[in-house]
């Protein structure tokens, strides 16, 4: 019985050490996967942060163009309103002449 106890006393710690080693490798593998996923998240966030200044400049450009167009439209409307009030527009504008169409008879 003494030999049996010695074998058990040696086998039990050896089995526990082997099982602990397998668990340690699994933990290390999972830790690396987490680190890789975290790195991908950081990369995507950095890409987005790098694109924000470009987006801001694009919006500023469109806003400037819209402002220019709005000013031109407002000026054209003001000129037209002034022409209509002074009567120049009515002298310049001719009524459209309708051309005869074959189906009118």
PDB file of N, CA and C in Angstrom:
ATOM      1  N   UNK A   1       0.809  -1.173   0.000  1.00  0.00           N
ATOM      2  CA  UNK A   1       0.000   0.000   0.000  1.00  0.00           C
ATOM      3  C   UNK A   1       0.865   1.254   0.000  1.00  0.00           C
ATOM      4  N   UNK A   2       2.000   1.153   0.548  1.00  0.00           N
ATOM      5  CA  UNK A   2       2.903   2.279   0.618  1.00  0.00           C
ATOM      6  C   UNK A   2       3.341   2.712  -0.789  1.00  0.00           C
ATOM      7  N   UNK A   3       3.553   1.792  -1.695  1.00  0.00           N
ATOM      8  CA  UNK A   3       3.960   2.108  -3.066  1.00  0.00           C
ATOM      9  C   UNK A   3       2.805   2.785  -3.812  1.00  0.00           C
ATOM     10  N   UNK A   4       1.607   2.319  -3.487  1.00  0.00           N
ATOM     11  CA  UNK A   4       0.428   2.914  -4.114  1.00  0.00           C
ATOM     12  C   UNK A   4       0.269   4.377  -3.697  1.00  0.00           C
ATOM     13  N   UNK A   5       0.520   4.643  -2.419  1.00  0.00           N
ATOM     14  CA  UNK A   5       0.411   6.026  -1.932  1.00  0.00           C
ATOM     15  C   UNK A   5       1.479   6.913  -2.573  1.00  0.00           C
ATOM     16  N   UNK A   6       2.684   6.357  -2.750  1.00  0.00           N
ATOM     17  CA  UNK A   6       3.756   7.139  -3.363  1.00  0.00           C
ATOM     18  C   UNK A   6       3.438   7.448  -4.820  1.00  0.00           C
ATOM     19  N   UNK A   7       2.882   6.498  -5.519  1.00  0.00           N
ATOM     20  CA  UNK A   7       2.504   6.748  -6.908  1.00  0.00           C
ATOM     21  C   UNK A   7       1.407   7.794  -6.994  1.00  0.00           C
ATOM     22  N   UNK A   8       0.431   7.696  -6.107  1.00  0.00           N
ATOM     23  CA  UNK A   8      -0.664   8.664  -6.084  1.00  0.00           C
ATOM     24  C   UNK A   8      -0.128  10.051  -5.716  1.00  0.00           C
ATOM     25  N   UNK A   9       0.790  10.080  -4.745  1.00  0.00           N
ATOM     26  CA  UNK A   9       1.363  11.352  -4.301  1.00  0.00           C
ATOM     27  C   UNK A   9       2.165  11.994  -5.429  1.00  0.00           C
ATOM     28  N   UNK A  10       2.792  11.226  -6.290  1.00  0.00           N
ATOM     29  CA  UNK A  10       3.539  11.777  -7.422  1.00  0.00           C
ATOM     30  C   UNK A  10       2.628  12.082  -8.612  1.00  0.00           C
ATOM     31  N   UNK A  11       1.645  11.240  -8.847  1.00  0.00           N
ATOM     32  CA  UNK A  11       0.773  11.392 -10.014  1.00  0.00           C
ATOM     33  C   UNK A  11      -0.182  12.569  -9.852  1.00  0.00           C
ATOM     34  N   UNK A  12      -0.681  12.730  -8.647  1.00  0.00           N
ATOM     35  CA  UNK A  12      -1.662  13.802  -8.427  1.00  0.00           C
ATOM     36  C   UNK A  12      -1.064  15.181  -8.694  1.00  0.00           C
ATOM     37  N   UNK A  13       0.082  15.569  -8.134  1.00  0.00           N
ATOM     38  CA  UNK A  13       0.651  16.886  -8.455  1.00  0.00           C
ATOM     39  C   UNK A  13       1.041  17.011  -9.927  1.00  0.00           C
ATOM     40  N   UNK A  14       1.509  15.881 -10.513  1.00  0.00           N
ATOM     41  CA  UNK A  14       1.872  15.923 -11.912  1.00  0.00           C
ATOM     42  C   UNK A  14       0.641  16.176 -12.785  1.00  0.00           C
ATOM     43  N   UNK A  15      -0.458  15.526 -12.488  1.00  0.00           N
ATOM     44  CA  UNK A  15      -1.698  15.730 -13.234  1.00  0.00           C
ATOM     45  C   UNK A  15      -2.203  17.155 -13.051  1.00  0.00           C
ATOM     46  N   UNK A  16      -2.148  17.665 -11.834  1.00  0.00           N
ATOM     47  CA  UNK A  16      -2.576  19.050 -11.582  1.00  0.00           C
ATOM     48  C   UNK A  16      -1.686  20.047 -12.330  1.00  0.00           C
ATOM     49  N   UNK A  17      -0.392  19.785 -12.368  1.00  0.00           N
ATOM     50  CA  UNK A  17       0.523  20.683 -13.078  1.00  0.00           C
ATOM     51  C   UNK A  17       0.229  20.680 -14.573  1.00  0.00           C
ATOM     52  N   UNK A  18      -0.046  19.500 -15.143  1.00  0.00           N
ATOM     53  CA  UNK A  18      -0.364  19.425 -16.563  1.00  0.00           C
ATOM     54  C   UNK A  18      -1.676  20.141 -16.866  1.00  0.00           C
ATOM     55  N   UNK A  19      -2.660  19.971 -16.010  1.00  0.00           N
ATOM     56  CA  UNK A  19      -3.946  20.632 -16.225  1.00  0.00           C
ATOM     57  C   UNK A  19      -3.814  22.138 -16.058  1.00  0.00           C
ATOM     58  N   UNK A  20      -3.013  22.560 -15.111  1.00  0.00           N
ATOM     59  CA  UNK A  20      -2.812  23.992 -14.909  1.00  0.00           C
ATOM     60  C   UNK A  20      -2.094  24.594 -16.110  1.00  0.00           C
ATOM     61  N   UNK A  21      -1.154  23.869 -16.705  1.00  0.00           N
ATOM     62  CA  UNK A  21      -0.451  24.344 -17.879  1.00  0.00           C
ATOM     63  C   UNK A  21      -1.386  24.534 -19.055  1.00  0.00           C
ATOM     64  N   UNK A  22      -2.331  23.638 -19.243  1.00  0.00           N
ATOM     65  CA  UNK A  22      -3.303  23.760 -20.331  1.00  0.00           C
ATOM     66  C   UNK A  22      -4.182  24.985 -20.111  1.00  0.00           C
ATOM     67  N   UNK A  23      -4.593  25.212 -18.905  1.00  0.00           N
ATOM     68  CA  UNK A  23      -5.411  26.377 -18.590  1.00  0.00           C
ATOM     69  C   UNK A  23      -4.647  27.665 -18.805  1.00  0.00           C
ATOM     70  N   UNK A  24      -3.367  27.668 -18.480  1.00  0.00           N
ATOM     71  CA  UNK A  24      -2.545  28.859 -18.657  1.00  0.00           C
ATOM     72  C   UNK A  24      -2.414  29.203 -20.138  1.00  0.00           C
ATOM     73  N   UNK A  25      -2.207  28.188 -20.962  1.00  0.00           N
ATOM     74  CA  UNK A  25      -2.112  28.438 -22.404  1.00  0.00           C
ATOM     75  C   UNK A  25      -3.422  28.991 -22.952  1.00  0.00           C
ATOM     76  N   UNK A  26      -4.540  28.472 -22.484  1.00  0.00           N
ATOM     77  CA  UNK A  26      -5.843  28.974 -22.926  1.00  0.00           C
ATOM     78  C   UNK A  26      -6.022  30.425 -22.527  1.00  0.00           C
ATOM     79  N   UNK A  27      -5.622  30.739 -21.303  1.00  0.00           N
ATOM     80  CA  UNK A  27      -5.739  32.122 -20.831  1.00  0.00           C
ATOM     81  C   UNK A  27      -4.867  33.041 -21.686  1.00  0.00           C
ATOM     82  N   UNK A  28      -3.651  32.618 -21.998  1.00  0.00           N
ATOM     83  CA  UNK A  28      -2.756  33.429 -22.817  1.00  0.00           C
ATOM     84  C   UNK A  28      -3.327  33.634 -24.222  1.00  0.00           C
ATOM     85  N   UNK A  29      -3.893  32.573 -24.794  1.00  0.00           N
ATOM     86  CA  UNK A  29      -4.487  32.665 -26.128  1.00  0.00           C
ATOM     87  C   UNK A  29      -5.655  33.647 -26.132  1.00  0.00           C
ATOM     88  N   UNK A  30      -6.507  33.545 -25.134  1.00  0.00           N
ATOM     89  CA  UNK A  30      -7.655  34.460 -25.048  1.00  0.00           C
ATOM     90  C   UNK A  30      -7.186  35.896 -24.827  1.00  0.00           C
ATOM     91  N   UNK A  31      -6.133  36.066 -24.018  1.00  0.00           N
ATOM     92  CA  UNK A  31      -5.601  37.408 -23.767  1.00  0.00           C
ATOM     93  C   UNK A  31      -5.078  38.024 -25.058  1.00  0.00           C
ATOM     94  N   UNK A  32      -4.413  37.242 -25.891  1.00  0.00           N
ATOM     95  CA  UNK A  32      -3.920  37.742 -27.171  1.00  0.00           C
ATOM     96  C   UNK A  32      -5.068  38.112 -28.105  1.00  0.00           C
ATOM     97  N   UNK A  33      -6.125  37.323 -28.087  1.00  0.00           N
ATOM     98  CA  UNK A  33      -7.293  37.643 -28.924  1.00  0.00           C
ATOM     99  C   UNK A  33      -7.923  38.958 -28.480  1.00  0.00           C
ATOM    100  N   UNK A  34      -8.018  39.161 -27.181  1.00  0.00           N
ATOM    101  CA  UNK A  34      -8.582  40.407 -26.652  1.00  0.00           C
ATOM    102  C   UNK A  34      -7.699  41.585 -27.049  1.00  0.00           C
ATOM    103  N   UNK A  35      -6.382  41.422 -26.930  1.00  0.00           N
ATOM    104  CA  UNK A  35      -5.465  42.505 -27.311  1.00  0.00           C
ATOM    105  C   UNK A  35      -5.571  42.836 -28.791  1.00  0.00           C
ATOM    106  N   UNK A  36      -5.712  41.799 -29.629  1.00  0.00           N
ATOM    107  CA  UNK A  36      -5.843  42.034 -31.070  1.00  0.00           C
ATOM    108  C   UNK A  36      -7.143  42.776 -31.383  1.00  0.00           C
ATOM    109  N   UNK A  37      -8.231  42.386 -30.739  1.00  0.00           N
ATOM    110  CA  UNK A  37      -9.510  43.058 -30.973  1.00  0.00           C
ATOM    111  C   UNK A  37      -9.446  44.511 -30.498  1.00  0.00           C
ATOM    112  N   UNK A  38      -8.809  44.736 -29.362  1.00  0.00           N
ATOM    113  CA  UNK A  38      -8.669  46.099 -28.841  1.00  0.00           C
ATOM    114  C   UNK A  38      -7.836  46.960 -29.795  1.00  0.00           C
ATOM    115  N   UNK A  39      -6.804  46.374 -30.373  1.00  0.00           N
ATOM    116  CA  UNK A  39      -5.981  47.105 -31.338  1.00  0.00           C
ATOM    117  C   UNK A  39      -6.783  47.480 -32.573  1.00  0.00           C
ATOM    118  N   UNK A  40      -7.637  46.575 -33.044  1.00  0.00           N
ATOM    119  CA  UNK A  40      -8.472  46.876 -34.207  1.00  0.00           C
ATOM    120  C   UNK A  40      -9.442  48.023 -33.908  1.00  0.00           C
ATOM    121  N   UNK A  41      -9.988  48.023 -32.709  1.00  0.00           N
ATOM    122  CA  UNK A  41     -10.898  49.104 -32.312  1.00  0.00           C
ATOM    123  C   UNK A  41     -10.148  50.437 -32.302  1.00  0.00           C
ATOM    124  N   UNK A  42      -8.935  50.430 -31.748  1.00  0.00           N
ATOM    125  CA  UNK A  42      -8.143  51.661 -31.706  1.00  0.00           C
ATOM    126  C   UNK A  42      -7.809  52.157 -33.109  1.00  0.00           C
ATOM    127  N   UNK A  43      -7.495  51.228 -34.018  1.00  0.00           N
ATOM    128  CA  UNK A  43      -7.180  51.600 -35.395  1.00  0.00           C
ATOM    129  C   UNK A  43      -8.391  52.252 -36.061  1.00  0.00           C
ATOM    130  N   UNK A  44      -9.569  51.653 -35.878  1.00  0.00           N
ATOM    131  CA  UNK A  44     -10.782  52.212 -36.494  1.00  0.00           C
ATOM    132  C   UNK A  44     -11.110  53.586 -35.913  1.00  0.00           C
ATOM    133  N   UNK A  45     -10.962  53.745 -34.619  1.00  0.00           N
ATOM    134  CA  UNK A  45     -11.226  55.050 -34.004  1.00  0.00           C
ATOM    135  C   UNK A  45     -10.241  56.104 -34.508  1.00  0.00           C
ATOM    136  N   UNK A  46      -8.980  55.716 -34.696  1.00  0.00           N
ATOM    137  CA  UNK A  46      -7.986  56.659 -35.201  1.00  0.00           C
ATOM    138  C   UNK A  46      -8.304  57.048 -36.636  1.00  0.00           C
ATOM    139  N   UNK A  47      -8.749  56.092 -37.461  1.00  0.00           N
ATOM    140  CA  UNK A  47      -9.131  56.417 -38.841  1.00  0.00           C
ATOM    141  C   UNK A  47     -10.278  57.415 -38.867  1.00  0.00           C
ATOM    142  N   UNK A  48     -11.254  57.190 -38.007  1.00  0.00           N
ATOM    143  CA  UNK A  48     -12.381  58.130 -37.953  1.00  0.00           C
ATOM    144  C   UNK A  48     -11.918  59.509 -37.512  1.00  0.00           C
ATOM    145  N   UNK A  49     -11.050  59.536 -36.513  1.00  0.00           N
ATOM    146  CA  UNK A  49     -10.543  60.820 -36.024  1.00  0.00           C
ATOM    147  C   UNK A  49      -9.750  61.535 -37.112  1.00  0.00           C
ATOM    148  N   UNK A  50      -9.041  60.774 -37.943  1.00  0.00           N
ATOM    149  CA  UNK A  50      -8.272  61.390 -39.029  1.00  0.00           C
ATOM    150  C   UNK A  50      -9.182  61.939 -40.123  1.00  0.00           C
ATOM    151  N   UNK A  51     -10.364  61.372 -40.283  1.00  0.00           N
ATOM    152  CA  UNK A  51     -11.279  61.819 -41.338  1.00  0.00           C
ATOM    153  C   UNK A  51     -12.087  63.049 -40.943  1.00  0.00           C
ATOM    154  N   UNK A  52     -12.194  63.337 -39.684  1.00  0.00           N
ATOM    155  CA  UNK A  52     -13.025  64.457 -39.228  1.00  0.00           C
ATOM    156  C   UNK A  52     -12.555  65.800 -39.805  1.00  0.00           C
ATOM    157  N   UNK A  53     -11.251  66.123 -39.794  1.00  0.00           N
ATOM    158  CA  UNK A  53     -10.841  67.411 -40.389  1.00  0.00           C
ATOM    159  C   UNK A  53     -11.207  67.517 -41.869  1.00  0.00           C
ATOM    160  N   UNK A  54     -11.091  66.420 -42.616  1.00  0.00           N
ATOM    161  CA  UNK A  54     -11.481  66.453 -44.032  1.00  0.00           C
ATOM    162  C   UNK A  54     -12.973  66.739 -44.171  1.00  0.00           C
ATOM    163  N   UNK A  55     -13.771  66.119 -43.331  1.00  0.00           N
ATOM    164  CA  UNK A  55     -15.214  66.333 -43.372  1.00  0.00           C
ATOM    165  C   UNK A  55     -15.553  67.784 -43.046  1.00  0.00           C
ATOM    166  N   UNK A  56     -14.891  68.336 -42.055  1.00  0.00           N
ATOM    167  CA  UNK A  56     -15.137  69.732 -41.667  1.00  0.00           C
ATOM    168  C   UNK A  56     -14.797  70.669 -42.831  1.00  0.00           C
ATOM    169  N   UNK A  57     -13.668  70.433 -43.493  1.00  0.00           N
ATOM    170  CA  UNK A  57     -13.283  71.286 -44.624  1.00  0.00           C
ATOM    171  C   UNK A  57     -14.267  71.163 -45.782  1.00  0.00           C
ATOM    172  N   UNK A  58     -14.773  69.951 -46.014  1.00  0.00           N
ATOM    173  CA  UNK A  58     -15.759  69.753 -47.081  1.00  0.00           C
ATOM    174  C   UNK A  58     -17.032  70.525 -46.781  1.00  0.00           C
ATOM    175  N   UNK A  59     -17.492  70.449 -45.552  1.00  0.00           N
ATOM    176  CA  UNK A  59     -18.711  71.162 -45.164  1.00  0.00           C
ATOM    177  C   UNK A  59     -18.506  72.669 -45.272  1.00  0.00           C
ATOM    178  N   UNK A  60     -17.341  73.145 -44.878  1.00  0.00           N
ATOM    179  CA  UNK A  60     -17.057  74.582 -45.001  1.00  0.00           C
ATOM    180  C   UNK A  60     -17.090  75.021 -46.459  1.00  0.00           C
ATOM    181  N   UNK A  61     -16.524  74.198 -47.346  1.00  0.00           N
ATOM    182  CA  UNK A  61     -16.532  74.521 -48.770  1.00  0.00           C
ATOM    183  C   UNK A  61     -17.936  74.596 -49.333  1.00  0.00           C
ATOM    184  N   UNK A  62     -18.774  73.617 -48.983  1.00  0.00           N
ATOM    185  CA  UNK A  62     -20.160  73.639 -49.449  1.00  0.00           C
ATOM    186  C   UNK A  62     -20.920  74.830 -48.872  1.00  0.00           C
ATOM    187  N   UNK A  63     -20.662  75.150 -47.607  1.00  0.00           N
ATOM    188  CA  UNK A  63     -21.339  76.293 -46.990  1.00  0.00           C
ATOM    189  C   UNK A  63     -20.961  77.594 -47.690  1.00  0.00           C
ATOM    190  N   UNK A  64     -19.692  77.729 -48.051  1.00  0.00           N
ATOM    191  CA  UNK A  64     -19.243  78.938 -48.751  1.00  0.00           C
ATOM    192  C   UNK A  64     -19.905  79.030 -50.126  1.00  0.00           C
ATOM    193  N   UNK A  65     -19.981  77.896 -50.820  1.00  0.00           N
ATOM    194  CA  UNK A  65     -20.619  77.884 -52.138  1.00  0.00           C
ATOM    195  C   UNK A  65     -22.103  78.220 -52.015  1.00  0.00           C
ATOM    196  N   UNK A  66     -22.780  77.643 -51.034  1.00  0.00           N
ATOM    197  CA  UNK A  66     -24.199  77.923 -50.830  1.00  0.00           C
ATOM    198  C   UNK A  66     -24.419  79.396 -50.514  1.00  0.00           C
ATOM    199  N   UNK A  67     -23.532  79.977 -49.712  1.00  0.00           N
ATOM    200  CA  UNK A  67     -23.666  81.391 -49.367  1.00  0.00           C
ATOM    201  C   UNK A  67     -23.509  82.257 -50.613  1.00  0.00           C
ATOM    202  N   UNK A  68     -22.537  81.921 -51.451  1.00  0.00           N
ATOM    203  CA  UNK A  68     -22.321  82.684 -52.689  1.00  0.00           C
ATOM    204  C   UNK A  68     -23.546  82.598 -53.595  1.00  0.00           C
ATOM    205  N   UNK A  69     -24.065  81.403 -53.748  1.00  0.00           N
ATOM    206  CA  UNK A  69     -25.247  81.220 -54.600  1.00  0.00           C
ATOM    207  C   UNK A  69     -26.445  81.969 -54.021  1.00  0.00           C
ATOM    208  N   UNK A  70     -26.631  81.908 -52.710  1.00  0.00           N
ATOM    209  CA  UNK A  70     -27.744  82.610 -52.075  1.00  0.00           C
ATOM    210  C   UNK A  70     -27.641  84.112 -52.302  1.00  0.00           C
ATOM    211  N   UNK A  71     -26.431  84.639 -52.179  1.00  0.00           N
ATOM    212  CA  UNK A  71     -26.236  86.088 -52.392  1.00  0.00           C
ATOM    213  C   UNK A  71     -26.545  86.449 -53.844  1.00  0.00           C
ATOM    214  N   UNK A  72     -26.086  85.640 -54.787  1.00  0.00           N
ATOM    215  CA  UNK A  72     -26.354  85.914 -56.202  1.00  0.00           C
ATOM    216  C   UNK A  72     -27.850  85.850 -56.511  1.00  0.00           C
ATOM    217  N   UNK A  73     -28.549  84.878 -55.938  1.00  0.00           N
ATOM    218  CA  UNK A  73     -29.996  84.767 -56.165  1.00  0.00           C
ATOM    219  C   UNK A  73     -30.717  85.968 -55.565  1.00  0.00           C
ATOM    220  N   UNK A  74     -30.307  86.377 -54.356  1.00  0.00           N
ATOM    221  CA  UNK A  74     -30.940  87.528 -53.709  1.00  0.00           C
ATOM    222  C   UNK A  74     -30.713  88.803 -54.522  1.00  0.00           C
ATOM    223  N   UNK A  75     -29.501  88.965 -55.048  1.00  0.00           N
ATOM    224  CA  UNK A  75     -29.221  90.153 -55.863  1.00  0.00           C
ATOM    225  C   UNK A  75     -30.035  90.133 -57.154  1.00  0.00           C
ATOM    226  N   UNK A  76     -30.141  88.967 -57.790  1.00  0.00           N
ATOM    227  CA  UNK A  76     -30.920  88.866 -59.028  1.00  0.00           C
ATOM    228  C   UNK A  76     -32.390  89.165 -58.765  1.00  0.00           C
ATOM    229  N   UNK A  77     -32.915  88.683 -57.650  1.00  0.00           N
ATOM    230  CA  UNK A  77     -34.321  88.971 -57.308  1.00  0.00           C
ATOM    231  C   UNK A  77     -34.528  90.457 -57.056  1.00  0.00           C
ATOM    232  N   UNK A  78     -33.556  91.063 -56.384  1.00  0.00           N
ATOM    233  CA  UNK A  78     -33.670  92.497 -56.112  1.00  0.00           C
ATOM    234  C   UNK A  78     -33.639  93.302 -57.408  1.00  0.00           C
ATOM    235  N   UNK A  79     -32.773  92.918 -58.329  1.00  0.00           N
ATOM    236  CA  UNK A  79     -32.714  93.611 -59.617  1.00  0.00           C
ATOM    237  C   UNK A  79     -34.011  93.429 -60.394  1.00  0.00           C
ATOM    238  N   UNK A  80     -34.558  92.234 -60.353  1.00  0.00           N
ATOM    239  CA  UNK A  80     -35.805  91.963 -61.056  1.00  0.00           C
ATOM    240  C   UNK A  80     -36.949  92.767 -60.434  1.00  0.00           C
ATOM    241  N   UNK A  81     -36.985  92.797 -59.103  1.00  0.00           N
ATOM    242  CA  UNK A  81     -38.041  93.571 -58.441  1.00  0.00           C
ATOM    243  C   UNK A  81     -37.920  95.053 -58.783  1.00  0.00           C
ATOM    244  N   UNK A  82     -36.698  95.572 -58.846  1.00  0.00           N
ATOM    245  CA  UNK A  82     -36.495  96.975 -59.219  1.00  0.00           C
ATOM    246  C   UNK A  82     -36.908  97.223 -60.661  1.00  0.00           C
ATOM    247  N   UNK A  83     -36.632  96.277 -61.540  1.00  0.00           N
ATOM    248  CA  UNK A  83     -37.008  96.443 -62.945  1.00  0.00           C
ATOM    249  C   UNK A  83     -38.514  96.399 -63.112  1.00  0.00           C
ATOM    250  N   UNK A  84     -39.173  95.531 -62.364  1.00  0.00           N
ATOM    251  CA  UNK A  84     -40.631  95.439 -62.464  1.00  0.00           C
ATOM    252  C   UNK A  84     -41.267  96.726 -61.943  1.00  0.00           C
ATOM    253  N   UNK A  85     -40.766  97.256 -60.849  1.00  0.00           N
ATOM    254  CA  UNK A  85     -41.330  98.482 -60.272  1.00  0.00           C
ATOM    255  C   UNK A  85     -41.101  99.686 -61.184  1.00  0.00           C
ATOM    256  N   UNK A  86     -39.981  99.733 -61.865  1.00  0.00           N
ATOM    257  CA  UNK A  86     -39.708 100.892 -62.720  1.00  0.00           C
ATOM    258  C   UNK A  86     -40.369 100.771 -64.092  1.00  0.00           C
ATOM    259  N   UNK A  87     -40.872  99.628 -64.407  1.00  0.00           N
ATOM    260  CA  UNK A  87     -41.563  99.449 -65.672  1.00  0.00           C
ATOM    261  C   UNK A  87     -40.650  98.988 -66.792  1.00  0.00           C
ATOM    262  N   UNK A  88     -39.388  98.864 -66.545  1.00  0.00           N
ATOM    263  CA  UNK A  88     -38.457  98.417 -67.578  1.00  0.00           C
ATOM    264  C   UNK A  88     -38.765  96.988 -67.983  1.00  0.00           C
ATOM    265  N   UNK A  89     -39.112  96.190 -67.036  1.00  0.00           N
ATOM    266  CA  UNK A  89     -39.349  94.768 -67.304  1.00  0.00           C
ATOM    267  C   UNK A  89     -40.540  94.573 -68.231  1.00  0.00           C
ATOM    268  N   UNK A  90     -41.600  95.351 -68.043  1.00  0.00           N
ATOM    269  CA  UNK A  90     -42.783  95.168 -68.879  1.00  0.00           C
ATOM    270  C   UNK A  90     -42.526  95.613 -70.315  1.00  0.00           C
ATOM    271  N   UNK A  91     -41.657  96.618 -70.526  1.00  0.00           N
ATOM    272  CA  UNK A  91     -41.320  97.045 -71.882  1.00  0.00           C
ATOM    273  C   UNK A  91     -40.414  96.012 -72.564  1.00  0.00           C
ATOM    274  N   UNK A  92     -39.550  95.397 -71.760  1.00  0.00           N
ATOM    275  CA  UNK A  92     -38.592  94.452 -72.314  1.00  0.00           C
ATOM    276  C   UNK A  92     -39.238  93.120 -72.631  1.00  0.00           C
ATOM    277  N   UNK A  93     -40.169  92.743 -71.820  1.00  0.00           N
ATOM    278  CA  UNK A  93     -40.806  91.441 -71.982  1.00  0.00           C
ATOM    279  C   UNK A  93     -41.863  91.502 -73.061  1.00  0.00           C
ATOM    280  N   UNK A  94     -41.826  90.610 -73.962  1.00  0.00           N
ATOM    281  CA  UNK A  94     -42.839  90.515 -75.010  1.00  0.00           C
ATOM    282  C   UNK A  94     -43.709  89.314 -74.718  1.00  0.00           C
ATOM    283  N   UNK A  95     -44.951  89.433 -75.004  1.00  0.00           N
ATOM    284  CA  UNK A  95     -45.795  88.252 -74.809  1.00  0.00           C
ATOM    285  C   UNK A  95     -45.376  87.164 -75.796  1.00  0.00           C
ATOM    286  N   UNK A  96     -45.427  85.956 -75.354  1.00  0.00           N
ATOM    287  CA  UNK A  96     -45.041  84.841 -76.219  1.00  0.00           C
ATOM    288  C   UNK A  96     -46.120  84.623 -77.272  1.00  0.00           C
ATOM    289  N   UNK A  97     -45.682  84.485 -78.487  1.00  0.00           N
ATOM    290  CA  UNK A  97     -46.605  84.226 -79.568  1.00  0.00           C
ATOM    291  C   UNK A  97     -46.763  82.727 -79.720  1.00  0.00           C
ATOM    292  N   UNK A  98     -47.974  82.342 -79.748  1.00  0.00           N
ATOM    293  CA  UNK A  98     -48.224  80.923 -79.863  1.00  0.00           C
ATOM    294  C   UNK A  98     -48.234  80.537 -81.330  1.00  0.00           C
ATOM    295  N   UNK A  99     -47.454  79.557 -81.686  1.00  0.00           N
ATOM    296  CA  UNK A  99     -47.417  79.120 -83.064  1.00  0.00           C
ATOM    297  C   UNK A  99     -48.600  78.172 -83.310  1.00  0.00           C
ATOM    298  N   UNK A 100     -49.138  78.208 -84.492  1.00  0.00           N
ATOM    299  CA  UNK A 100     -50.287  77.336 -84.779  1.00  0.00           C
ATOM    300  C   UNK A 100     -49.835  75.884 -84.752  1.00  0.00           C
ATOM    301  N   UNK A 101     -50.718  75.068 -84.197  1.00  0.00           N
ATOM    302  CA  UNK A 101     -50.441  73.641 -84.167  1.00  0.00           C
ATOM    303  C   UNK A 101     -51.438  72.936 -85.056  1.00  0.00           C
ATOM    304  N   UNK A 102     -51.008  71.878 -85.716  1.00  0.00           N
ATOM    305  CA  UNK A 102     -51.904  71.217 -86.666  1.00  0.00           C
ATOM    306  C   UNK A 102     -53.160  70.659 -86.021  1.00  0.00           C
ATOM    307  N   UNK A 103     -53.133  70.285 -84.797  1.00  0.00           N
ATOM    308  CA  UNK A 103     -54.307  69.689 -84.169  1.00  0.00           C
ATOM    309  C   UNK A 103     -55.290  70.720 -83.609  1.00  0.00           C
ATOM    310  N   UNK A 104     -54.896  72.020 -83.625  1.00  0.00           N
ATOM    311  CA  UNK A 104     -55.821  73.057 -83.148  1.00  0.00           C
ATOM    312  C   UNK A 104     -56.942  73.347 -84.166  1.00  0.00           C
ATOM    313  N   UNK A 105     -56.712  73.033 -85.381  1.00  0.00           N
ATOM    314  CA  UNK A 105     -57.769  73.165 -86.375  1.00  0.00           C
ATOM    315  C   UNK A 105     -57.742  74.392 -87.101  1.00  0.00           C
TER     316      UNK A 105
END
